[in-house]
Amino acid sequence: MDKNFDITVEQLKELLEGETPINLFDVREEYEYEDDNLGAKLVPLGEIPDRLGEFEAVKGQDIYIHCRSGARSGKAKQFLISQGFENVHNVLGGIMAYRDME
């Protein structure tokens, strides 16, 4: 099975409601994060190459990435995989789909 599978917003909700903390990163811009966030660590997409150390700290663990609709987080996922990361998961539909579910 692919180690870098995508997840649905329903699966993310289950993870967030669970007992175990997860490594969730938000790759939107700061103003978007301030308007609405899920408590993820904010690392805007354009800053990822300069802030790779923040991902290195959790390398080898599952990393979940979300954005507004899933496009930027998909790009972030591909970049991290190109840098040797495994277990990187994009949240399909992003925060828009998450809020639509609630």
Protein backbone atom coordinates (compact mmCIF):
# COMPACT_ATOMS: atom_id res chain seq x y z
CA MET A 1 0.00 0.00 0.00
CA ASP A 2 1.16 3.52 -0.75
CA LYS A 3 2.65 5.17 2.34
CA ASN A 4 1.64 8.61 1.05
CA PHE A 5 -2.11 8.10 0.72
CA ASP A 6 -4.64 10.94 0.84
CA ILE A 7 -7.34 11.12 3.50
CA THR A 8 -10.89 12.45 3.56
CA VAL A 9 -12.12 15.19 5.85
CA GLU A 10 -14.16 12.55 7.68
CA GLN A 11 -10.97 10.62 8.41
CA LEU A 12 -9.27 13.83 9.56
CA LYS A 13 -12.16 14.56 11.92
CA GLU A 14 -11.79 11.09 13.46
CA LEU A 15 -8.07 11.69 13.95
CA LEU A 16 -8.63 15.11 15.52
CA GLU A 17 -11.26 13.71 17.88
CA GLY A 18 -9.00 10.82 18.88
CA GLU A 19 -6.76 10.61 21.91
CA THR A 20 -3.48 10.62 19.98
CA PRO A 21 -2.06 13.97 18.82
CA ILE A 22 -1.33 14.17 15.10
CA ASN A 23 1.17 16.13 13.01
CA LEU A 24 -1.21 18.44 11.14
CA PHE A 25 0.16 21.26 8.99
CA ASP A 26 -1.83 24.05 7.33
CA VAL A 27 -0.18 25.40 4.16
CA ARG A 28 -2.53 28.35 3.60
CA GLU A 29 -1.53 31.98 4.10
CA GLU A 30 -1.56 33.62 7.53
CA TYR A 31 -4.67 35.71 6.84
CA GLU A 32 -6.59 32.56 5.86
CA TYR A 33 -5.40 30.78 8.99
CA GLU A 34 -6.47 33.70 11.19
CA ASP A 35 -9.99 33.57 9.70
CA ASP A 36 -10.48 29.85 10.32
CA ASN A 37 -8.20 27.06 11.44
CA LEU A 38 -8.24 23.54 12.80
CA GLY A 39 -5.36 24.03 15.22
CA ALA A 40 -2.74 22.89 12.74
CA LYS A 41 0.78 24.28 12.60
CA LEU A 42 0.83 27.05 9.98
CA VAL A 43 3.56 26.73 7.35
CA PRO A 44 2.48 28.60 4.18
CA LEU A 45 3.24 26.67 0.99
CA GLY A 46 5.85 29.16 -0.22
CA GLU A 47 7.76 28.93 3.07
CA ILE A 48 8.09 25.14 3.19
CA PRO A 49 11.58 24.96 1.58
CA ASP A 50 12.92 27.45 4.15
CA ARG A 51 11.12 25.77 7.05
CA LEU A 52 11.88 22.15 6.18
CA GLY A 53 13.35 21.66 9.66
CA GLU A 54 9.86 21.85 11.14
CA PHE A 55 8.92 18.82 9.06
CA GLU A 56 12.25 17.10 9.74
CA ALA A 57 11.32 17.14 13.44
CA VAL A 58 8.49 14.68 12.69
CA LYS A 59 10.08 12.78 9.80
CA GLY A 60 9.17 9.09 9.95
CA GLN A 61 5.83 9.88 11.57
CA ASP A 62 2.54 10.46 9.77
CA ILE A 63 2.30 14.03 8.47
CA TYR A 64 -1.12 15.40 7.52
CA ILE A 65 -1.36 18.51 5.35
CA HIS A 66 -4.40 20.63 4.57
CA CYS A 67 -5.22 23.91 2.89
CA ARG A 68 -8.37 25.61 1.65
CA SER A 69 -9.43 23.08 -1.01
CA GLY A 70 -6.67 20.46 -1.25
CA ALA A 71 -4.64 21.92 -4.15
CA ARG A 72 -1.82 23.61 -2.18
CA SER A 73 -1.61 20.74 0.27
CA GLY A 74 -1.26 18.36 -2.68
CA LYS A 75 1.71 20.42 -3.92
CA ALA A 76 3.19 20.44 -0.41
CA LYS A 77 2.81 16.67 -0.20
CA GLN A 78 4.63 16.17 -3.51
CA PHE A 79 7.43 18.52 -2.44
CA LEU A 80 7.94 16.70 0.86
CA ILE A 81 7.99 13.34 -0.92
CA SER A 82 10.65 14.74 -3.29
CA GLN A 83 12.68 15.62 -0.19
CA GLY A 84 12.61 12.04 1.07
CA PHE A 85 9.60 12.17 3.37
CA GLU A 86 7.23 9.23 3.65
CA ASN A 87 3.85 8.91 5.32
CA VAL A 88 2.70 12.29 3.98
CA HIS A 89 -1.08 12.61 3.68
CA ASN A 90 -3.08 15.28 1.87
CA VAL A 91 -6.55 16.12 3.23
CA LEU A 92 -8.83 15.99 0.20
CA GLY A 93 -11.14 18.99 -0.08
CA GLY A 94 -9.30 20.98 2.59
CA ILE A 95 -10.89 23.14 5.21
CA MET A 96 -13.80 24.00 2.90
CA ALA A 97 -14.88 20.36 2.76
CA TYR A 98 -14.23 19.99 6.50
CA ARG A 99 -16.54 22.90 7.32
CA ASP A 100 -19.19 21.67 4.85
CA MET A 101 -19.22 18.37 6.73
CA GLU A 102 -19.96 19.98 10.11
